[in-house]
Amino acid sequence: MRAVLEHTMVGPGLASESTMGPLNMTRHNEIVVGLVEQARAAGAEVIELGSYVDGALGASKNYLLPSLVLNPAQPWDRHRRAIRPVASDHRLGQRDRRRRSEERHLVGLCSSEWSSDVGHGSTIAAQLRTGVTFYNGHNAPFVDERTPFGGLNQSGIGRELGREGLLAFTETQVVAIPAS
């Protein structure tokens, strides 16, 4: 995950070199920064990765480098909210605690499982309560538009993309004709 995030270029969405844009609101930025500081104060290691496109930082306060929060202490409020661009790691011994913790969360759009063992990663991914789980990748570059996309809990209603997304725009009508 670190190898992927190291190459992130944060800047305006229309800049050709940008691979990640700004957060949508200053308030969202403040929330994300606060949650990262909460994790840091609780003893987690926080690593910022990537770099800014020239001039991006001066254009808006809403640009944030992606962060990895390593060995987060529990409880940490990150999973109760959908915050980007922050990812946290939960090592092998923490899986059961992570799963129990995720069951209490209000959001569940996406998760990602990073592992060198596809079978093991698939087993863990099937246990997560999110609408989409990415394997060794995360978010837009890894979305397959042939498959449905959407979250659970307060992360959305319904699906977009794929067959399920198309069916969301339809209405079923039943015509019942009695037998002769």
N, C-alpha and C. Protein backbone atom coordinates (compact mmCIF):
# COMPACT_ATOMS: atom_id res chain seq x y z
N MET A 1 0.83 -1.19 0.00
CA MET A 1 0.00 0.00 0.00
C MET A 1 0.88 1.25 0.00
N ARG A 2 1.94 1.19 0.77
CA ARG A 2 2.86 2.32 0.83
C ARG A 2 3.46 2.60 -0.55
N ALA A 3 3.82 1.54 -1.26
CA ALA A 3 4.42 1.71 -2.59
C ALA A 3 3.45 2.39 -3.55
N VAL A 4 2.16 2.11 -3.41
CA VAL A 4 1.15 2.75 -4.27
C VAL A 4 1.00 4.22 -3.89
N LEU A 5 0.87 4.50 -2.60
CA LEU A 5 0.60 5.87 -2.15
C LEU A 5 1.80 6.80 -2.34
N GLU A 6 3.02 6.26 -2.36
CA GLU A 6 4.20 7.10 -2.54
C GLU A 6 4.16 7.89 -3.85
N HIS A 7 3.45 7.36 -4.84
CA HIS A 7 3.41 7.98 -6.17
C HIS A 7 2.20 8.89 -6.37
N THR A 8 1.42 9.12 -5.33
CA THR A 8 0.24 9.97 -5.43
C THR A 8 0.66 11.42 -5.64
N MET A 9 0.02 12.08 -6.60
CA MET A 9 0.24 13.50 -6.86
C MET A 9 -1.06 14.23 -6.53
N VAL A 10 -1.03 15.04 -5.48
CA VAL A 10 -2.23 15.74 -5.00
C VAL A 10 -2.28 17.12 -5.63
N GLY A 11 -3.38 17.41 -6.32
CA GLY A 11 -3.52 18.71 -6.96
C GLY A 11 -4.87 18.88 -7.60
N PRO A 12 -5.04 19.94 -8.36
CA PRO A 12 -6.32 20.20 -9.03
C PRO A 12 -6.72 19.04 -9.94
N GLY A 13 -8.01 18.74 -9.95
CA GLY A 13 -8.50 17.63 -10.75
C GLY A 13 -8.23 17.75 -12.24
N LEU A 14 -8.11 18.98 -12.74
CA LEU A 14 -7.85 19.17 -14.17
C LEU A 14 -6.37 19.19 -14.52
N ALA A 15 -5.50 19.16 -13.52
CA ALA A 15 -4.06 19.11 -13.80
C ALA A 15 -3.69 17.70 -14.24
N SER A 16 -3.03 17.59 -15.37
CA SER A 16 -2.74 16.27 -15.93
C SER A 16 -1.89 15.40 -15.01
N GLU A 17 -1.05 16.01 -14.18
CA GLU A 17 -0.19 15.22 -13.30
C GLU A 17 -0.88 14.80 -11.99
N SER A 18 -2.07 15.34 -11.71
CA SER A 18 -2.79 15.00 -10.47
C SER A 18 -3.35 13.59 -10.54
N THR A 19 -3.19 12.86 -9.44
CA THR A 19 -3.83 11.56 -9.31
C THR A 19 -4.85 11.57 -8.17
N MET A 20 -4.88 12.66 -7.40
CA MET A 20 -5.86 12.83 -6.34
C MET A 20 -6.14 14.31 -6.17
N GLY A 21 -7.42 14.66 -6.05
CA GLY A 21 -7.80 16.06 -5.91
C GLY A 21 -8.00 16.46 -4.46
N PRO A 22 -8.59 17.65 -4.24
CA PRO A 22 -8.80 18.14 -2.87
C PRO A 22 -10.01 17.50 -2.22
N LEU A 23 -10.12 17.68 -0.91
CA LEU A 23 -11.34 17.32 -0.21
C LEU A 23 -12.40 18.34 -0.61
N ASN A 24 -13.68 17.99 -0.49
CA ASN A 24 -14.72 18.85 -1.03
C ASN A 24 -15.03 20.09 -0.20
N MET A 25 -14.71 20.08 1.10
CA MET A 25 -15.05 21.23 1.94
C MET A 25 -13.96 21.44 2.99
N THR A 26 -13.79 22.68 3.41
CA THR A 26 -12.84 23.00 4.46
C THR A 26 -13.21 22.26 5.74
N ARG A 27 -14.50 22.15 6.05
CA ARG A 27 -14.94 21.44 7.26
C ARG A 27 -14.53 19.97 7.21
N HIS A 28 -14.65 19.34 6.06
CA HIS A 28 -14.23 17.95 5.91
C HIS A 28 -12.72 17.85 6.16
N ASN A 29 -11.97 18.78 5.63
CA ASN A 29 -10.53 18.82 5.85
C ASN A 29 -10.22 18.88 7.35
N GLU A 30 -10.92 19.75 8.07
CA GLU A 30 -10.70 19.89 9.51
C GLU A 30 -11.01 18.59 10.25
N ILE A 31 -12.06 17.90 9.85
CA ILE A 31 -12.43 16.63 10.47
C ILE A 31 -11.34 15.59 10.25
N VAL A 32 -10.86 15.49 9.01
CA VAL A 32 -9.83 14.51 8.69
C VAL A 32 -8.55 14.80 9.47
N VAL A 33 -8.12 16.04 9.48
CA VAL A 33 -6.91 16.42 10.22
C VAL A 33 -7.09 16.10 11.71
N GLY A 34 -8.27 16.38 12.25
CA GLY A 34 -8.54 16.09 13.67
C GLY A 34 -8.48 14.60 13.98
N LEU A 35 -9.04 13.77 13.09
CA LEU A 35 -9.02 12.33 13.31
C LEU A 35 -7.61 11.77 13.24
N VAL A 36 -6.82 12.29 12.31
CA VAL A 36 -5.42 11.85 12.22
C VAL A 36 -4.66 12.25 13.47
N GLU A 37 -4.90 13.45 13.96
CA GLU A 37 -4.25 13.90 15.20
C GLU A 37 -4.70 13.06 16.39
N GLN A 38 -5.97 12.67 16.40
CA GLN A 38 -6.48 11.79 17.46
C GLN A 38 -5.72 10.46 17.45
N ALA A 39 -5.53 9.90 16.28
CA ALA A 39 -4.80 8.63 16.16
C ALA A 39 -3.35 8.80 16.61
N ARG A 40 -2.72 9.88 16.18
CA ARG A 40 -1.33 10.15 16.56
C ARG A 40 -1.21 10.30 18.08
N ALA A 41 -2.13 11.04 18.69
CA ALA A 41 -2.11 11.25 20.14
C ALA A 41 -2.33 9.94 20.90
N ALA A 42 -3.04 8.99 20.28
CA ALA A 42 -3.29 7.70 20.91
C ALA A 42 -2.15 6.72 20.68
N GLY A 43 -1.07 7.18 20.03
CA GLY A 43 0.11 6.34 19.88
C GLY A 43 0.33 5.72 18.52
N ALA A 44 -0.55 6.00 17.56
CA ALA A 44 -0.37 5.43 16.22
C ALA A 44 0.75 6.16 15.49
N GLU A 45 1.40 5.46 14.60
CA GLU A 45 2.39 6.08 13.72
C GLU A 45 1.65 6.57 12.48
N VAL A 46 1.85 7.83 12.12
CA VAL A 46 1.17 8.41 10.96
C VAL A 46 2.24 8.78 9.93
N ILE A 47 2.09 8.24 8.72
CA ILE A 47 3.04 8.51 7.64
C ILE A 47 2.30 9.18 6.50
N GLU A 48 2.73 10.38 6.12
CA GLU A 48 2.17 11.05 4.95
C GLU A 48 2.99 10.65 3.73
N LEU A 49 2.30 10.37 2.63
CA LEU A 49 2.98 9.91 1.42
C LEU A 49 2.54 10.75 0.24
N GLY A 50 3.23 10.61 -0.88
CA GLY A 50 2.90 11.36 -2.07
C GLY A 50 3.49 12.75 -2.03
N SER A 51 3.08 13.54 -2.99
CA SER A 51 3.56 14.93 -3.03
C SER A 51 2.50 15.79 -3.70
N TYR A 52 2.68 17.11 -3.52
CA TYR A 52 1.74 18.06 -4.10
C TYR A 52 2.17 18.46 -5.50
N VAL A 53 1.19 18.63 -6.38
CA VAL A 53 1.44 19.23 -7.68
C VAL A 53 1.81 20.68 -7.43
N ASP A 54 2.74 21.23 -8.17
CA ASP A 54 3.19 22.61 -7.97
C ASP A 54 2.00 23.55 -7.85
N GLY A 55 1.98 24.33 -6.78
CA GLY A 55 0.95 25.34 -6.58
C GLY A 55 -0.32 24.84 -5.93
N ALA A 56 -0.48 23.53 -5.75
CA ALA A 56 -1.73 23.00 -5.20
C ALA A 56 -1.96 23.47 -3.77
N LEU A 57 -0.93 23.48 -2.97
CA LEU A 57 -1.10 23.82 -1.57
C LEU A 57 -1.52 25.28 -1.41
N GLY A 58 -1.02 26.16 -2.26
CA GLY A 58 -1.39 27.57 -2.17
C GLY A 58 -2.78 27.85 -2.70
N ALA A 59 -3.32 26.97 -3.55
CA ALA A 59 -4.62 27.20 -4.16
C ALA A 59 -5.77 26.96 -3.19
N SER A 60 -5.61 26.08 -2.22
CA SER A 60 -6.69 25.73 -1.32
C SER A 60 -6.14 25.03 -0.09
N LYS A 61 -6.84 25.19 1.03
CA LYS A 61 -6.45 24.45 2.23
C LYS A 61 -7.00 23.02 2.19
N ASN A 62 -7.74 22.66 1.17
CA ASN A 62 -8.40 21.36 1.14
C ASN A 62 -7.56 20.25 0.54
N TYR A 63 -6.32 20.52 0.21
CA TYR A 63 -5.44 19.47 -0.31
C TYR A 63 -4.73 18.80 0.85
N LEU A 64 -4.83 17.48 0.92
CA LEU A 64 -4.14 16.70 1.94
C LEU A 64 -3.42 15.54 1.29
N LEU A 65 -2.21 15.30 1.73
CA LEU A 65 -1.49 14.12 1.27
C LEU A 65 -2.15 12.87 1.86
N PRO A 66 -2.13 11.76 1.14
CA PRO A 66 -2.66 10.53 1.72
C PRO A 66 -1.81 10.12 2.92
N SER A 67 -2.45 9.58 3.93
CA SER A 67 -1.75 9.15 5.15
C SER A 67 -2.03 7.69 5.44
N LEU A 68 -1.02 7.03 5.95
CA LEU A 68 -1.18 5.69 6.50
C LEU A 68 -1.10 5.82 8.01
N VAL A 69 -2.06 5.26 8.71
CA VAL A 69 -2.05 5.23 10.16
C VAL A 69 -1.70 3.80 10.55
N LEU A 70 -0.51 3.63 11.11
CA LEU A 70 -0.01 2.29 11.43
C LEU A 70 -0.24 1.96 12.89
N ASN A 71 -0.71 0.74 13.12
CA ASN A 71 -0.98 0.24 14.46
C ASN A 71 -1.87 1.17 15.26
N PRO A 72 -3.05 1.50 14.72
CA PRO A 72 -3.92 2.42 15.46
C PRO A 72 -4.43 1.78 16.75
N ALA A 73 -4.45 2.58 17.78
CA ALA A 73 -5.00 2.12 19.05
C ALA A 73 -6.52 2.11 18.96
N GLN A 74 -7.15 1.25 19.67
CA GLN A 74 -8.61 1.24 19.72
C GLN A 74 -9.03 1.93 21.01
N PRO A 75 -10.10 2.66 21.10
CA PRO A 75 -10.93 2.99 19.95
C PRO A 75 -10.37 4.18 19.19
N TRP A 76 -10.52 4.14 17.89
CA TRP A 76 -10.16 5.25 17.03
C TRP A 76 -11.37 5.54 16.17
N ASP A 77 -11.75 6.78 16.05
CA ASP A 77 -13.01 7.19 15.45
C ASP A 77 -13.02 7.10 13.92
N ARG A 78 -11.93 6.76 13.28
CA ARG A 78 -11.80 6.78 11.83
C ARG A 78 -12.88 5.94 11.14
N HIS A 79 -13.19 4.75 11.65
CA HIS A 79 -14.10 3.87 10.95
C HIS A 79 -15.57 4.23 11.14
N ARG A 80 -15.85 5.21 11.99
CA ARG A 80 -17.24 5.64 12.13
C ARG A 80 -17.58 6.70 11.10
N ARG A 81 -16.57 7.14 10.37
CA ARG A 81 -16.78 8.19 9.38
C ARG A 81 -16.04 7.80 8.10
N ALA A 82 -16.55 8.29 7.00
CA ALA A 82 -15.86 8.06 5.74
C ALA A 82 -14.86 9.20 5.57
N ILE A 83 -13.59 8.94 5.84
CA ILE A 83 -12.60 9.99 5.69
C ILE A 83 -11.57 9.57 4.66
N ARG A 84 -11.23 10.49 3.82
CA ARG A 84 -10.17 10.27 2.86
C ARG A 84 -9.28 11.48 2.95
N PRO A 85 -8.08 11.40 2.71
CA PRO A 85 -7.29 10.30 2.15
C PRO A 85 -6.48 9.57 3.22
N VAL A 86 -7.15 8.95 4.18
CA VAL A 86 -6.47 8.28 5.28
C VAL A 86 -6.81 6.80 5.26
N ALA A 87 -5.80 5.96 5.39
CA ALA A 87 -6.00 4.52 5.50
C ALA A 87 -5.31 4.05 6.76
N SER A 88 -5.90 3.05 7.40
CA SER A 88 -5.27 2.49 8.59
C SER A 88 -4.99 1.03 8.36
N ASP A 89 -3.96 0.55 9.03
CA ASP A 89 -3.65 -0.88 8.90
C ASP A 89 -4.10 -1.61 10.15
N HIS A 90 -4.51 -2.84 9.94
CA HIS A 90 -4.84 -3.73 11.05
C HIS A 90 -4.11 -5.03 10.74
N ARG A 91 -3.15 -5.33 11.54
CA ARG A 91 -2.30 -6.48 11.28
C ARG A 91 -3.02 -7.78 11.57
N LEU A 92 -2.37 -8.88 11.24
CA LEU A 92 -2.98 -10.21 11.33
C LEU A 92 -3.68 -10.47 12.65
N GLY A 93 -3.06 -10.15 13.77
CA GLY A 93 -3.64 -10.43 15.07
C GLY A 93 -4.83 -9.56 15.42
N GLN A 94 -5.10 -8.56 14.60
CA GLN A 94 -6.18 -7.62 14.91
C GLN A 94 -7.43 -7.86 14.09
N ARG A 95 -7.46 -8.89 13.26
CA ARG A 95 -8.59 -9.08 12.35
C ARG A 95 -9.92 -9.22 13.06
N ASP A 96 -9.98 -10.07 14.09
CA ASP A 96 -11.25 -10.27 14.78
C ASP A 96 -11.73 -8.99 15.44
N ARG A 97 -10.79 -8.25 16.03
CA ARG A 97 -11.16 -6.98 16.66
C ARG A 97 -11.63 -6.00 15.59
N ARG A 98 -10.98 -5.99 14.42
CA ARG A 98 -11.39 -5.10 13.35
C ARG A 98 -12.80 -5.45 12.88
N ARG A 99 -13.06 -6.73 12.71
CA ARG A 99 -14.38 -7.16 12.22
C ARG A 99 -15.47 -6.76 13.23
N ARG A 100 -15.23 -7.00 14.52
CA ARG A 100 -16.22 -6.61 15.53
C ARG A 100 -16.42 -5.11 15.54
N SER A 101 -15.32 -4.38 15.37
CA SER A 101 -15.39 -2.93 15.36
C SER A 101 -16.18 -2.43 14.15
N GLU A 102 -15.95 -3.04 12.99
CA GLU A 102 -16.65 -2.60 11.78
C GLU A 102 -18.15 -2.86 11.86
N GLU A 103 -18.56 -3.86 12.60
CA GLU A 103 -19.98 -4.17 12.72
C GLU A 103 -20.75 -3.03 13.41
N ARG A 104 -20.05 -2.21 14.18
CA ARG A 104 -20.71 -1.12 14.91
C ARG A 104 -20.69 0.19 14.13
N HIS A 105 -20.06 0.21 12.98
CA HIS A 105 -19.85 1.48 12.29
C HIS A 105 -21.03 1.89 11.43
N LEU A 106 -21.14 3.17 11.26
CA LEU A 106 -22.25 3.72 10.50
C LEU A 106 -21.97 3.74 9.01
N VAL A 107 -20.71 3.66 8.62
CA VAL A 107 -20.36 3.76 7.21
C VAL A 107 -19.84 2.43 6.71
N GLY A 108 -19.91 2.23 5.42
CA GLY A 108 -19.43 0.98 4.86
C GLY A 108 -19.37 1.04 3.35
N LEU A 109 -18.75 2.08 2.80
CA LEU A 109 -18.67 2.18 1.35
C LEU A 109 -17.63 1.22 0.80
N CYS A 110 -16.38 1.42 1.18
CA CYS A 110 -15.29 0.61 0.62
C CYS A 110 -14.32 0.19 1.70
N SER A 111 -13.68 -0.93 1.46
CA SER A 111 -12.56 -1.37 2.27
C SER A 111 -11.54 -1.95 1.31
N SER A 112 -10.36 -2.20 1.80
CA SER A 112 -9.38 -2.89 0.96
C SER A 112 -8.63 -3.88 1.81
N GLU A 113 -8.30 -4.99 1.22
CA GLU A 113 -7.55 -6.05 1.87
C GLU A 113 -6.25 -6.19 1.08
N TRP A 114 -5.14 -6.11 1.79
CA TRP A 114 -3.82 -6.18 1.18
C TRP A 114 -3.13 -7.44 1.69
N SER A 115 -2.83 -8.34 0.78
CA SER A 115 -2.23 -9.61 1.18
C SER A 115 -1.52 -10.22 -0.03
N SER A 116 -0.52 -11.05 0.23
CA SER A 116 0.14 -11.76 -0.87
C SER A 116 -0.56 -13.09 -1.15
N ASP A 117 -1.55 -13.46 -0.35
CA ASP A 117 -2.27 -14.72 -0.49
C ASP A 117 -3.71 -14.42 -0.92
N VAL A 118 -4.02 -14.64 -2.20
CA VAL A 118 -5.33 -14.30 -2.75
C VAL A 118 -6.45 -15.04 -2.02
N GLY A 119 -6.28 -16.31 -1.75
CA GLY A 119 -7.32 -17.08 -1.06
C GLY A 119 -7.59 -16.54 0.33
N HIS A 120 -6.55 -16.26 1.06
CA HIS A 120 -6.69 -15.72 2.41
C HIS A 120 -7.33 -14.33 2.34
N GLY A 121 -6.87 -13.49 1.42
CA GLY A 121 -7.43 -12.15 1.25
C GLY A 121 -8.91 -12.20 0.92
N SER A 122 -9.31 -13.15 0.08
CA SER A 122 -10.72 -13.30 -0.28
C SER A 122 -11.56 -13.71 0.92
N THR A 123 -11.02 -14.57 1.76
CA THR A 123 -11.73 -15.00 2.97
C THR A 123 -11.97 -13.80 3.88
N ILE A 124 -10.96 -12.98 4.09
CA ILE A 124 -11.09 -11.81 4.96
C ILE A 124 -12.05 -10.81 4.32
N ALA A 125 -11.91 -10.57 3.02
CA ALA A 125 -12.77 -9.60 2.33
C ALA A 125 -14.24 -9.98 2.46
N ALA A 126 -14.56 -11.26 2.40
CA ALA A 126 -15.94 -11.72 2.50
C ALA A 126 -16.53 -11.45 3.88
N GLN A 127 -15.68 -11.25 4.88
CA GLN A 127 -16.15 -11.01 6.24
C GLN A 127 -16.35 -9.53 6.54
N LEU A 128 -15.91 -8.64 5.67
CA LEU A 128 -16.00 -7.20 5.92
C LEU A 128 -17.39 -6.69 5.54
N ARG A 129 -17.91 -5.72 6.28
CA ARG A 129 -19.24 -5.17 6.03
C ARG A 129 -19.13 -3.87 5.24
N THR A 130 -18.74 -4.00 3.98
CA THR A 130 -18.68 -2.84 3.09
C THR A 130 -19.29 -3.23 1.76
N GLY A 131 -19.73 -2.23 1.00
CA GLY A 131 -20.33 -2.50 -0.29
C GLY A 131 -19.32 -3.02 -1.31
N VAL A 132 -18.08 -2.57 -1.21
CA VAL A 132 -17.01 -2.98 -2.12
C VAL A 132 -15.75 -3.22 -1.30
N THR A 133 -15.09 -4.33 -1.55
CA THR A 133 -13.76 -4.55 -0.97
C THR A 133 -12.78 -4.73 -2.12
N PHE A 134 -11.78 -3.89 -2.13
CA PHE A 134 -10.73 -3.96 -3.15
C PHE A 134 -9.60 -4.84 -2.63
N TYR A 135 -8.96 -5.56 -3.53
CA TYR A 135 -7.84 -6.43 -3.17
C TYR A 135 -6.55 -5.83 -3.72
N ASN A 136 -5.62 -5.53 -2.83
CA ASN A 136 -4.32 -4.94 -3.19
C ASN A 136 -4.46 -3.70 -4.06
N GLY A 137 -5.42 -2.89 -3.77
CA GLY A 137 -5.66 -1.63 -4.46
C GLY A 137 -6.82 -0.95 -3.77
N HIS A 138 -7.11 0.27 -4.17
CA HIS A 138 -8.25 0.93 -3.54
C HIS A 138 -8.81 2.04 -4.42
N ASN A 139 -10.10 2.09 -4.49
CA ASN A 139 -10.91 3.16 -5.03
C ASN A 139 -10.89 3.27 -6.55
N ALA A 140 -11.11 4.46 -7.07
CA ALA A 140 -11.45 4.69 -8.48
C ALA A 140 -10.61 3.93 -9.50
N PRO A 141 -9.29 3.89 -9.39
CA PRO A 141 -8.54 3.18 -10.43
C PRO A 141 -8.86 1.69 -10.49
N PHE A 142 -9.49 1.15 -9.45
CA PHE A 142 -9.74 -0.27 -9.39
C PHE A 142 -11.22 -0.63 -9.53
N VAL A 143 -12.07 0.36 -9.80
CA VAL A 143 -13.50 0.11 -9.99
C VAL A 143 -13.71 -0.50 -11.37
N ASP A 144 -14.39 -1.61 -11.42
CA ASP A 144 -14.76 -2.24 -12.68
C ASP A 144 -16.20 -1.83 -12.96
N GLU A 145 -16.41 -1.04 -14.00
CA GLU A 145 -17.74 -0.49 -14.27
C GLU A 145 -18.77 -1.53 -14.66
N ARG A 146 -18.34 -2.77 -14.86
CA ARG A 146 -19.29 -3.84 -15.14
C ARG A 146 -19.88 -4.41 -13.87
N THR A 147 -19.34 -4.02 -12.72
CA THR A 147 -19.82 -4.55 -11.44
C THR A 147 -20.50 -3.44 -10.65
N PRO A 148 -21.44 -3.80 -9.76
CA PRO A 148 -22.14 -2.77 -8.98
C PRO A 148 -21.21 -2.09 -7.99
N PHE A 149 -21.50 -0.83 -7.70
CA PHE A 149 -20.73 -0.06 -6.73
C PHE A 149 -21.69 0.67 -5.82
N GLY A 150 -21.48 0.58 -4.52
CA GLY A 150 -22.31 1.28 -3.54
C GLY A 150 -22.00 0.77 -2.16
N GLY A 151 -22.47 1.50 -1.15
CA GLY A 151 -22.10 1.19 0.22
C GLY A 151 -23.21 0.58 1.04
N LEU A 152 -22.87 0.31 2.28
CA LEU A 152 -23.80 -0.21 3.27
C LEU A 152 -23.99 0.84 4.36
N ASN A 153 -24.99 0.63 5.19
CA ASN A 153 -25.27 1.51 6.32
C ASN A 153 -25.51 2.94 5.83
N GLN A 154 -24.82 3.93 6.41
CA GLN A 154 -25.04 5.31 6.00
C GLN A 154 -24.14 5.73 4.84
N SER A 155 -23.59 4.77 4.14
CA SER A 155 -22.75 5.08 2.98
C SER A 155 -23.51 4.94 1.68
N GLY A 156 -24.80 5.10 1.72
CA GLY A 156 -25.56 5.10 0.48
C GLY A 156 -26.66 4.08 0.44
N ILE A 157 -27.54 4.29 -0.51
CA ILE A 157 -28.67 3.40 -0.74
C ILE A 157 -28.59 2.96 -2.19
N GLY A 158 -28.67 1.68 -2.41
CA GLY A 158 -28.67 1.17 -3.77
C GLY A 158 -27.28 1.07 -4.37
N ARG A 159 -27.26 0.83 -5.66
CA ARG A 159 -26.01 0.62 -6.37
C ARG A 159 -26.01 1.42 -7.67
N GLU A 160 -24.82 1.75 -8.10
CA GLU A 160 -24.64 2.29 -9.43
C GLU A 160 -23.69 1.36 -10.17
N LEU A 161 -23.64 1.48 -11.46
CA LEU A 161 -22.81 0.62 -12.32
C LEU A 161 -23.32 -0.82 -12.32
N GLY A 162 -22.87 -1.58 -13.27
CA GLY A 162 -23.25 -2.98 -13.36
C GLY A 162 -24.74 -3.19 -13.57
N ARG A 163 -25.15 -4.44 -13.56
CA ARG A 163 -26.56 -4.80 -13.77
C ARG A 163 -27.44 -4.22 -12.67
N GLU A 164 -26.98 -4.31 -11.41
CA GLU A 164 -27.77 -3.80 -10.30
C GLU A 164 -27.98 -2.29 -10.41
N GLY A 165 -26.97 -1.57 -10.88
CA GLY A 165 -27.10 -0.13 -11.07
C GLY A 165 -28.11 0.21 -12.14
N LEU A 166 -28.12 -0.55 -13.21
CA LEU A 166 -29.09 -0.35 -14.28
C LEU A 166 -30.51 -0.65 -13.79
N LEU A 167 -30.66 -1.71 -13.02
CA LEU A 167 -31.98 -2.08 -12.52
C LEU A 167 -32.54 -1.05 -11.54
N ALA A 168 -31.67 -0.25 -10.94
CA ALA A 168 -32.14 0.79 -10.02
C ALA A 168 -33.00 1.84 -10.74
N PHE A 169 -32.87 1.93 -12.05
CA PHE A 169 -33.63 2.90 -12.83
C PHE A 169 -34.89 2.28 -13.43
N THR A 170 -35.24 1.08 -13.01
CA THR A 170 -36.42 0.41 -13.57
C THR A 170 -37.48 0.22 -12.49
N GLU A 171 -38.69 -0.04 -12.91
CA GLU A 171 -39.77 -0.40 -12.00
C GLU A 171 -40.37 -1.71 -12.49
N THR A 172 -40.61 -2.60 -11.56
CA THR A 172 -41.19 -3.90 -11.90
C THR A 172 -42.71 -3.79 -11.87
N GLN A 173 -43.35 -4.34 -12.88
CA GLN A 173 -44.80 -4.38 -12.91
C GLN A 173 -45.22 -5.83 -13.13
N VAL A 174 -46.15 -6.29 -12.35
CA VAL A 174 -46.65 -7.65 -12.48
C VAL A 174 -48.07 -7.57 -13.04
N VAL A 175 -48.35 -8.39 -14.05
CA VAL A 175 -49.71 -8.51 -14.58
C VAL A 175 -50.17 -9.92 -14.24
N ALA A 176 -51.18 -10.04 -13.39
CA ALA A 176 -51.67 -11.34 -12.97
C ALA A 176 -52.92 -11.70 -13.77
N ILE A 177 -52.84 -12.77 -14.50
CA ILE A 177 -53.98 -13.24 -15.31
C ILE A 177 -54.45 -14.56 -14.71
N PRO A 178 -55.71 -14.62 -14.30
CA PRO A 178 -56.19 -15.86 -13.68
C PRO A 178 -56.18 -17.01 -14.69
N ALA A 179 -55.99 -18.21 -14.17
CA ALA A 179 -56.04 -19.39 -15.01
C ALA A 179 -57.45 -19.54 -15.56
N SER A 180 -57.59 -20.06 -16.75
CA SER A 180 -58.89 -20.17 -17.41
C SER A 180 -59.94 -20.57 -16.43
